[in-house]
Amino acid sequence: MKLKDLIKENLIIAELKGKSKKQVLEELVNHLVSMNRSIDSNELLRVLIEREKLGSTGIGNGIAIPHGKLNGLASIVLLFGKSSQGIDFDSIDGSPVHLIFLLVAPSNSAGVHLKALARLSRLLKDNNFRQALIKASDSQSIHRIIVDEDKKVSC
């Protein structure tokens, strides 16, 4: 599973406007829906909020990976958003979140969903990669950083 196959430049928000977890989730969902009108924004937001109730997807080190499965989705989708100021995401380490990867998978794709989560987690362990994403100023730079890092790290 390669992230370069999932992440598209038009699914990157270089600076999120939301100031809270809910606002950021709404912003990411609305951005996704603007690119894929077949997605029901209310249903996706409900799925993500339900997942957050099970435990925060703020995994520490300034990272959150909200994720869920959606009926009717044709293939897995990955969005990225960055918050320079940081968001209170109820992270396990209590730190603000700066890097948010939203992963949405078709409801019948457990294996692919888990592989994508594992791939993301593996890449995000690298502090230099995280810092490069934080310093990047536009969608094109962020996309290039993700694709380049994805090429370097074995599956």
N, C-alpha and C. Protein backbone atom coordinates (compact mmCIF):
# COMPACT_ATOMS: atom_id res chain seq x y z
N MET A 1 0.85 -1.18 0.00
CA MET A 1 0.00 0.00 0.00
C MET A 1 0.89 1.24 0.00
N LYS A 2 0.76 2.03 -1.01
CA LYS A 2 1.53 3.27 -1.13
C LYS A 2 0.59 4.47 -0.97
N LEU A 3 1.00 5.43 -0.18
CA LEU A 3 0.18 6.63 0.04
C LEU A 3 0.10 7.48 -1.21
N LYS A 4 1.12 7.43 -2.05
CA LYS A 4 1.10 8.23 -3.28
C LYS A 4 -0.09 7.87 -4.16
N ASP A 5 -0.60 6.64 -4.00
CA ASP A 5 -1.77 6.22 -4.76
C ASP A 5 -3.06 6.76 -4.17
N LEU A 6 -3.01 7.23 -2.93
CA LEU A 6 -4.21 7.71 -2.24
C LEU A 6 -4.28 9.23 -2.13
N ILE A 7 -3.14 9.85 -1.88
CA ILE A 7 -3.14 11.29 -1.61
C ILE A 7 -3.01 12.07 -2.92
N LYS A 8 -3.92 12.97 -3.12
CA LYS A 8 -3.91 13.84 -4.30
C LYS A 8 -3.74 15.28 -3.82
N GLU A 9 -3.09 16.07 -4.63
CA GLU A 9 -2.81 17.45 -4.24
C GLU A 9 -4.08 18.24 -3.90
N ASN A 10 -5.18 17.95 -4.60
CA ASN A 10 -6.42 18.68 -4.34
C ASN A 10 -7.12 18.20 -3.07
N LEU A 11 -6.56 17.20 -2.41
CA LEU A 11 -7.11 16.72 -1.14
C LEU A 11 -6.18 17.09 0.02
N ILE A 12 -5.47 18.19 -0.16
CA ILE A 12 -4.56 18.70 0.88
C ILE A 12 -4.98 20.12 1.21
N ILE A 13 -5.14 20.38 2.50
CA ILE A 13 -5.43 21.74 2.98
C ILE A 13 -4.18 22.21 3.71
N ALA A 14 -3.47 23.17 3.12
CA ALA A 14 -2.19 23.62 3.66
C ALA A 14 -2.32 24.36 4.98
N GLU A 15 -3.48 24.96 5.23
CA GLU A 15 -3.72 25.63 6.52
C GLU A 15 -5.20 25.54 6.84
N LEU A 16 -5.50 24.73 7.83
CA LEU A 16 -6.89 24.57 8.28
C LEU A 16 -7.36 25.84 8.98
N LYS A 17 -8.63 26.14 8.81
CA LYS A 17 -9.22 27.31 9.47
C LYS A 17 -9.85 26.95 10.81
N GLY A 18 -10.31 25.71 10.95
CA GLY A 18 -10.99 25.26 12.17
C GLY A 18 -10.12 25.40 13.40
N LYS A 19 -10.77 25.69 14.52
CA LYS A 19 -10.06 25.90 15.79
C LYS A 19 -10.33 24.77 16.79
N SER A 20 -11.28 23.90 16.47
CA SER A 20 -11.62 22.80 17.37
C SER A 20 -11.66 21.49 16.58
N LYS A 21 -11.67 20.38 17.29
CA LYS A 21 -11.74 19.07 16.64
C LYS A 21 -12.96 19.00 15.72
N LYS A 22 -14.11 19.40 16.22
CA LYS A 22 -15.35 19.32 15.43
C LYS A 22 -15.26 20.21 14.19
N GLN A 23 -14.76 21.43 14.36
CA GLN A 23 -14.64 22.33 13.21
C GLN A 23 -13.68 21.78 12.16
N VAL A 24 -12.59 21.18 12.59
CA VAL A 24 -11.62 20.62 11.65
C VAL A 24 -12.22 19.41 10.94
N LEU A 25 -12.90 18.55 11.66
CA LEU A 25 -13.55 17.41 11.00
C LEU A 25 -14.55 17.89 9.96
N GLU A 26 -15.34 18.91 10.32
CA GLU A 26 -16.31 19.47 9.36
C GLU A 26 -15.60 20.06 8.14
N GLU A 27 -14.50 20.76 8.38
CA GLU A 27 -13.75 21.37 7.28
C GLU A 27 -13.19 20.30 6.34
N LEU A 28 -12.62 19.25 6.90
CA LEU A 28 -12.08 18.16 6.08
C LEU A 28 -13.19 17.46 5.29
N VAL A 29 -14.30 17.18 5.96
CA VAL A 29 -15.44 16.53 5.29
C VAL A 29 -15.97 17.41 4.17
N ASN A 30 -16.16 18.69 4.45
CA ASN A 30 -16.68 19.60 3.41
C ASN A 30 -15.73 19.68 2.22
N HIS A 31 -14.44 19.68 2.50
CA HIS A 31 -13.46 19.71 1.41
C HIS A 31 -13.56 18.43 0.57
N LEU A 32 -13.67 17.30 1.23
CA LEU A 32 -13.80 16.03 0.51
C LEU A 32 -15.07 16.02 -0.34
N VAL A 33 -16.18 16.47 0.24
CA VAL A 33 -17.46 16.48 -0.49
C VAL A 33 -17.38 17.42 -1.70
N SER A 34 -16.64 18.51 -1.57
CA SER A 34 -16.50 19.42 -2.71
C SER A 34 -15.75 18.75 -3.86
N MET A 35 -14.95 17.75 -3.57
CA MET A 35 -14.21 17.01 -4.59
C MET A 35 -14.95 15.76 -5.05
N ASN A 36 -15.85 15.26 -4.21
CA ASN A 36 -16.59 14.03 -4.51
C ASN A 36 -18.03 14.19 -4.04
N ARG A 37 -18.86 14.70 -4.91
CA ARG A 37 -20.25 15.03 -4.57
C ARG A 37 -21.10 13.82 -4.19
N SER A 38 -20.62 12.61 -4.47
CA SER A 38 -21.41 11.42 -4.14
C SER A 38 -21.36 11.09 -2.65
N ILE A 39 -20.48 11.73 -1.91
CA ILE A 39 -20.34 11.46 -0.48
C ILE A 39 -21.35 12.30 0.30
N ASP A 40 -22.03 11.66 1.23
CA ASP A 40 -22.99 12.33 2.10
C ASP A 40 -22.22 12.92 3.28
N SER A 41 -22.12 14.24 3.31
CA SER A 41 -21.30 14.90 4.35
C SER A 41 -21.82 14.62 5.75
N ASN A 42 -23.13 14.62 5.92
CA ASN A 42 -23.70 14.36 7.25
C ASN A 42 -23.37 12.95 7.73
N GLU A 43 -23.47 11.99 6.83
CA GLU A 43 -23.18 10.61 7.21
C GLU A 43 -21.70 10.43 7.53
N LEU A 44 -20.83 11.01 6.72
CA LEU A 44 -19.40 10.88 6.98
C LEU A 44 -19.04 11.56 8.30
N LEU A 45 -19.57 12.73 8.55
CA LEU A 45 -19.29 13.41 9.82
C LEU A 45 -19.78 12.58 10.99
N ARG A 46 -20.96 11.97 10.86
CA ARG A 46 -21.50 11.11 11.92
C ARG A 46 -20.55 9.94 12.19
N VAL A 47 -20.06 9.30 11.12
CA VAL A 47 -19.15 8.16 11.24
C VAL A 47 -17.88 8.59 11.98
N LEU A 48 -17.32 9.73 11.61
CA LEU A 48 -16.08 10.19 12.23
C LEU A 48 -16.28 10.55 13.70
N ILE A 49 -17.38 11.20 14.01
CA ILE A 49 -17.66 11.57 15.41
C ILE A 49 -17.89 10.33 16.26
N GLU A 50 -18.60 9.35 15.70
CA GLU A 50 -18.81 8.08 16.42
C GLU A 50 -17.48 7.40 16.70
N ARG A 51 -16.58 7.43 15.73
CA ARG A 51 -15.25 6.82 15.92
C ARG A 51 -14.48 7.56 17.02
N GLU A 52 -14.58 8.89 17.05
CA GLU A 52 -13.89 9.67 18.08
C GLU A 52 -14.42 9.35 19.47
N LYS A 53 -15.70 8.99 19.57
CA LYS A 53 -16.29 8.64 20.87
C LYS A 53 -15.67 7.36 21.44
N LEU A 54 -15.18 6.49 20.55
CA LEU A 54 -14.54 5.25 21.00
C LEU A 54 -13.16 5.53 21.59
N GLY A 55 -12.57 6.63 21.20
CA GLY A 55 -11.23 7.02 21.65
C GLY A 55 -10.65 7.97 20.63
N SER A 56 -9.94 8.94 21.10
CA SER A 56 -9.40 9.95 20.19
C SER A 56 -8.46 9.33 19.17
N THR A 57 -8.55 9.85 17.95
CA THR A 57 -7.61 9.44 16.91
C THR A 57 -6.38 10.35 16.90
N GLY A 58 -6.26 11.20 17.91
CA GLY A 58 -5.05 11.98 18.13
C GLY A 58 -4.02 11.04 18.74
N ILE A 59 -3.05 10.61 17.93
CA ILE A 59 -2.15 9.52 18.34
C ILE A 59 -0.87 10.02 19.01
N GLY A 60 -0.74 11.32 19.17
CA GLY A 60 0.45 11.87 19.81
C GLY A 60 1.41 12.46 18.79
N ASN A 61 2.42 13.16 19.28
CA ASN A 61 3.43 13.80 18.43
C ASN A 61 2.82 14.79 17.44
N GLY A 62 1.68 15.40 17.81
CA GLY A 62 1.07 16.40 16.95
C GLY A 62 0.29 15.83 15.78
N ILE A 63 -0.07 14.54 15.85
CA ILE A 63 -0.73 13.85 14.74
C ILE A 63 -2.11 13.35 15.13
N ALA A 64 -3.04 13.45 14.20
CA ALA A 64 -4.35 12.79 14.34
C ALA A 64 -4.65 12.09 13.02
N ILE A 65 -5.25 10.91 13.14
CA ILE A 65 -5.66 10.16 11.96
C ILE A 65 -7.14 9.75 12.13
N PRO A 66 -8.04 10.73 12.02
CA PRO A 66 -9.46 10.35 12.07
C PRO A 66 -9.77 9.44 10.88
N HIS A 67 -10.56 8.43 11.12
CA HIS A 67 -10.84 7.47 10.07
C HIS A 67 -12.19 6.80 10.28
N GLY A 68 -12.70 6.25 9.20
CA GLY A 68 -13.96 5.54 9.26
C GLY A 68 -14.29 4.90 7.94
N LYS A 69 -15.36 4.14 7.96
CA LYS A 69 -15.83 3.46 6.75
C LYS A 69 -17.18 4.03 6.36
N LEU A 70 -17.40 4.09 5.05
CA LEU A 70 -18.60 4.72 4.54
C LEU A 70 -19.24 3.84 3.46
N ASN A 71 -20.52 3.58 3.61
CA ASN A 71 -21.26 2.85 2.58
C ASN A 71 -21.28 3.64 1.29
N GLY A 72 -21.16 2.93 0.18
CA GLY A 72 -21.28 3.57 -1.12
C GLY A 72 -20.01 4.22 -1.65
N LEU A 73 -18.97 4.23 -0.87
CA LEU A 73 -17.70 4.81 -1.33
C LEU A 73 -17.01 3.79 -2.23
N ALA A 74 -16.54 4.23 -3.37
CA ALA A 74 -15.95 3.31 -4.36
C ALA A 74 -14.54 2.86 -3.97
N SER A 75 -13.75 3.76 -3.41
CA SER A 75 -12.38 3.41 -3.06
C SER A 75 -11.93 4.24 -1.86
N ILE A 76 -10.83 3.83 -1.28
CA ILE A 76 -10.28 4.51 -0.11
C ILE A 76 -9.82 5.92 -0.49
N VAL A 77 -10.02 6.86 0.43
CA VAL A 77 -9.67 8.27 0.19
C VAL A 77 -8.84 8.77 1.37
N LEU A 78 -7.81 9.55 1.06
CA LEU A 78 -6.95 10.13 2.08
C LEU A 78 -6.88 11.64 1.87
N LEU A 79 -7.17 12.39 2.93
CA LEU A 79 -7.03 13.84 2.92
C LEU A 79 -6.00 14.22 3.96
N PHE A 80 -5.39 15.38 3.77
CA PHE A 80 -4.44 15.90 4.74
C PHE A 80 -4.78 17.36 5.02
N GLY A 81 -4.70 17.72 6.28
CA GLY A 81 -4.84 19.12 6.68
C GLY A 81 -3.81 19.45 7.73
N LYS A 82 -3.30 20.69 7.67
CA LYS A 82 -2.29 21.14 8.62
C LYS A 82 -2.81 22.35 9.39
N SER A 83 -2.53 22.36 10.68
CA SER A 83 -2.86 23.51 11.52
C SER A 83 -1.57 24.00 12.16
N SER A 84 -1.10 25.17 11.72
CA SER A 84 0.13 25.72 12.29
C SER A 84 -0.01 26.02 13.77
N GLN A 85 -1.19 26.52 14.16
CA GLN A 85 -1.38 26.87 15.58
C GLN A 85 -1.65 25.67 16.46
N GLY A 86 -2.15 24.58 15.89
CA GLY A 86 -2.45 23.38 16.66
C GLY A 86 -3.89 23.35 17.13
N ILE A 87 -4.43 22.15 17.22
CA ILE A 87 -5.83 21.91 17.59
C ILE A 87 -5.86 21.00 18.81
N ASP A 88 -6.73 21.29 19.75
CA ASP A 88 -6.97 20.37 20.86
C ASP A 88 -7.79 19.21 20.30
N PHE A 89 -7.17 18.05 20.16
CA PHE A 89 -7.81 16.89 19.54
C PHE A 89 -7.97 15.76 20.55
N ASP A 90 -7.84 16.08 21.84
CA ASP A 90 -7.88 15.06 22.89
C ASP A 90 -6.85 13.96 22.66
N SER A 91 -5.67 14.37 22.21
CA SER A 91 -4.60 13.40 21.89
C SER A 91 -4.17 12.62 23.11
N ILE A 92 -3.65 11.44 22.85
CA ILE A 92 -3.24 10.58 23.96
C ILE A 92 -2.10 11.18 24.77
N ASP A 93 -1.30 12.06 24.15
CA ASP A 93 -0.21 12.69 24.90
C ASP A 93 -0.57 14.11 25.37
N GLY A 94 -1.81 14.53 25.10
CA GLY A 94 -2.27 15.85 25.55
C GLY A 94 -1.75 17.01 24.72
N SER A 95 -0.96 16.74 23.70
CA SER A 95 -0.37 17.80 22.87
C SER A 95 -1.33 18.24 21.77
N PRO A 96 -1.21 19.50 21.34
CA PRO A 96 -2.03 19.96 20.21
C PRO A 96 -1.65 19.20 18.94
N VAL A 97 -2.62 19.07 18.06
CA VAL A 97 -2.42 18.37 16.78
C VAL A 97 -2.17 19.40 15.68
N HIS A 98 -1.15 19.12 14.88
CA HIS A 98 -0.81 19.99 13.75
C HIS A 98 -1.02 19.29 12.42
N LEU A 99 -0.89 17.97 12.40
CA LEU A 99 -0.97 17.19 11.17
C LEU A 99 -2.15 16.23 11.26
N ILE A 100 -3.10 16.38 10.34
CA ILE A 100 -4.31 15.56 10.38
C ILE A 100 -4.50 14.85 9.05
N PHE A 101 -4.50 13.54 9.12
CA PHE A 101 -4.76 12.70 7.95
C PHE A 101 -6.15 12.09 8.15
N LEU A 102 -7.06 12.38 7.25
CA LEU A 102 -8.41 11.81 7.29
C LEU A 102 -8.46 10.67 6.30
N LEU A 103 -8.74 9.48 6.80
CA LEU A 103 -8.79 8.28 5.98
C LEU A 103 -10.22 7.74 5.98
N VAL A 104 -10.79 7.63 4.78
CA VAL A 104 -12.15 7.11 4.64
C VAL A 104 -12.10 5.94 3.67
N ALA A 105 -12.69 4.83 4.10
CA ALA A 105 -12.66 3.62 3.28
C ALA A 105 -14.07 3.12 3.03
N PRO A 106 -14.24 2.38 1.93
CA PRO A 106 -15.54 1.73 1.71
C PRO A 106 -15.84 0.78 2.86
N SER A 107 -17.10 0.61 3.18
CA SER A 107 -17.47 -0.20 4.34
C SER A 107 -17.04 -1.65 4.22
N ASN A 108 -16.78 -2.14 3.01
CA ASN A 108 -16.40 -3.54 2.82
C ASN A 108 -14.90 -3.73 2.61
N SER A 109 -14.07 -2.83 3.11
CA SER A 109 -12.63 -2.90 2.81
C SER A 109 -11.75 -2.89 4.05
N ALA A 110 -11.98 -3.80 4.95
CA ALA A 110 -11.22 -3.82 6.21
C ALA A 110 -9.72 -3.95 6.00
N GLY A 111 -9.30 -4.84 5.13
CA GLY A 111 -7.87 -5.06 4.93
C GLY A 111 -7.14 -3.83 4.40
N VAL A 112 -7.71 -3.19 3.39
CA VAL A 112 -7.09 -2.01 2.78
C VAL A 112 -7.04 -0.86 3.78
N HIS A 113 -8.10 -0.69 4.53
CA HIS A 113 -8.21 0.35 5.55
C HIS A 113 -7.09 0.20 6.58
N LEU A 114 -6.89 -1.02 7.06
CA LEU A 114 -5.87 -1.28 8.07
C LEU A 114 -4.46 -1.12 7.49
N LYS A 115 -4.26 -1.53 6.25
CA LYS A 115 -2.95 -1.36 5.61
C LYS A 115 -2.61 0.12 5.45
N ALA A 116 -3.60 0.92 5.08
CA ALA A 116 -3.37 2.36 4.93
C ALA A 116 -3.04 3.00 6.28
N LEU A 117 -3.75 2.62 7.33
CA LEU A 117 -3.46 3.14 8.67
C LEU A 117 -2.05 2.75 9.10
N ALA A 118 -1.68 1.52 8.85
CA ALA A 118 -0.34 1.05 9.22
C ALA A 118 0.74 1.81 8.45
N ARG A 119 0.50 2.04 7.17
CA ARG A 119 1.46 2.76 6.34
C ARG A 119 1.65 4.19 6.85
N LEU A 120 0.54 4.84 7.13
CA LEU A 120 0.59 6.21 7.67
C LEU A 120 1.37 6.24 8.98
N SER A 121 1.05 5.33 9.87
CA SER A 121 1.72 5.28 11.17
C SER A 121 3.21 5.08 11.02
N ARG A 122 3.60 4.22 10.09
CA ARG A 122 5.03 3.95 9.86
C ARG A 122 5.74 5.22 9.39
N LEU A 123 5.16 5.93 8.43
CA LEU A 123 5.79 7.15 7.91
C LEU A 123 5.87 8.23 8.98
N LEU A 124 4.82 8.35 9.77
CA LEU A 124 4.73 9.44 10.74
C LEU A 124 5.61 9.25 11.97
N LYS A 125 6.26 8.10 12.09
CA LYS A 125 7.21 7.89 13.19
C LYS A 125 8.47 8.73 13.00
N ASP A 126 8.72 9.14 11.77
CA ASP A 126 9.93 9.89 11.43
C ASP A 126 9.73 11.38 11.76
N ASN A 127 10.46 11.86 12.75
CA ASN A 127 10.34 13.25 13.17
C ASN A 127 10.70 14.23 12.05
N ASN A 128 11.70 13.89 11.24
CA ASN A 128 12.08 14.78 10.13
C ASN A 128 10.94 14.93 9.13
N PHE A 129 10.24 13.86 8.87
CA PHE A 129 9.08 13.89 7.97
C PHE A 129 7.99 14.78 8.56
N ARG A 130 7.70 14.61 9.83
CA ARG A 130 6.67 15.44 10.48
C ARG A 130 7.06 16.91 10.44
N GLN A 131 8.31 17.21 10.72
CA GLN A 131 8.77 18.61 10.71
C GLN A 131 8.71 19.21 9.30
N ALA A 132 9.03 18.41 8.30
CA ALA A 132 8.96 18.89 6.91
C ALA A 132 7.52 19.25 6.56
N LEU A 133 6.56 18.43 7.00
CA LEU A 133 5.15 18.73 6.73
C LEU A 133 4.72 20.01 7.43
N ILE A 134 5.16 20.19 8.66
CA ILE A 134 4.79 21.39 9.43
C ILE A 134 5.36 22.64 8.76
N LYS A 135 6.56 22.55 8.23
CA LYS A 135 7.22 23.72 7.63
C LYS A 135 6.70 24.04 6.23
N ALA A 136 6.12 23.05 5.55
CA ALA A 136 5.65 23.25 4.17
C ALA A 136 4.54 24.31 4.14
N SER A 137 4.56 25.13 3.10
CA SER A 137 3.63 26.27 3.08
C SER A 137 2.47 26.13 2.10
N ASP A 138 2.53 25.13 1.22
CA ASP A 138 1.43 25.00 0.26
C ASP A 138 1.15 23.53 -0.06
N SER A 139 0.03 23.30 -0.70
CA SER A 139 -0.43 21.93 -1.00
C SER A 139 0.57 21.18 -1.87
N GLN A 140 1.13 21.88 -2.84
CA GLN A 140 2.08 21.24 -3.75
C GLN A 140 3.30 20.73 -2.99
N SER A 141 3.85 21.55 -2.10
CA SER A 141 5.02 21.15 -1.31
C SER A 141 4.68 19.98 -0.39
N ILE A 142 3.53 20.05 0.25
CA ILE A 142 3.10 18.98 1.16
C ILE A 142 2.96 17.67 0.38
N HIS A 143 2.33 17.75 -0.78
CA HIS A 143 2.14 16.55 -1.60
C HIS A 143 3.49 15.94 -1.98
N ARG A 144 4.41 16.77 -2.40
CA ARG A 144 5.74 16.30 -2.79
C ARG A 144 6.46 15.63 -1.61
N ILE A 145 6.36 16.22 -0.43
CA ILE A 145 7.01 15.66 0.77
C ILE A 145 6.44 14.28 1.07
N ILE A 146 5.13 14.14 1.02
CA ILE A 146 4.48 12.85 1.31
C ILE A 146 4.88 11.80 0.28
N VAL A 147 4.82 12.16 -0.99
CA VAL A 147 5.15 11.20 -2.06
C VAL A 147 6.63 10.79 -1.96
N ASP A 148 7.51 11.75 -1.74
CA ASP A 148 8.94 11.44 -1.63
C ASP A 148 9.22 10.53 -0.44
N GLU A 149 8.61 10.82 0.70
CA GLU A 149 8.83 9.98 1.88
C GLU A 149 8.26 8.59 1.66
N ASP A 150 7.12 8.51 1.02
CA ASP A 150 6.48 7.23 0.76
C ASP A 150 7.37 6.35 -0.13
N LYS A 151 8.11 6.95 -1.05
CA LYS A 151 9.01 6.21 -1.92
C LYS A 151 10.18 5.62 -1.13
N LYS A 152 10.63 6.34 -0.10
CA LYS A 152 11.80 5.93 0.68
C LYS A 152 11.53 4.79 1.64
N VAL A 153 10.32 4.73 2.18
CA VAL A 153 10.00 3.77 3.22
C VAL A 153 9.42 2.50 2.62
N SER A 154 10.01 1.37 2.97
CA SER A 154 9.52 0.10 2.43
C SER A 154 8.17 -0.26 3.02
N CYS A 155 7.43 -1.06 2.31
CA CYS A 155 6.08 -1.47 2.73
C CYS A 155 6.09 -2.36 3.93
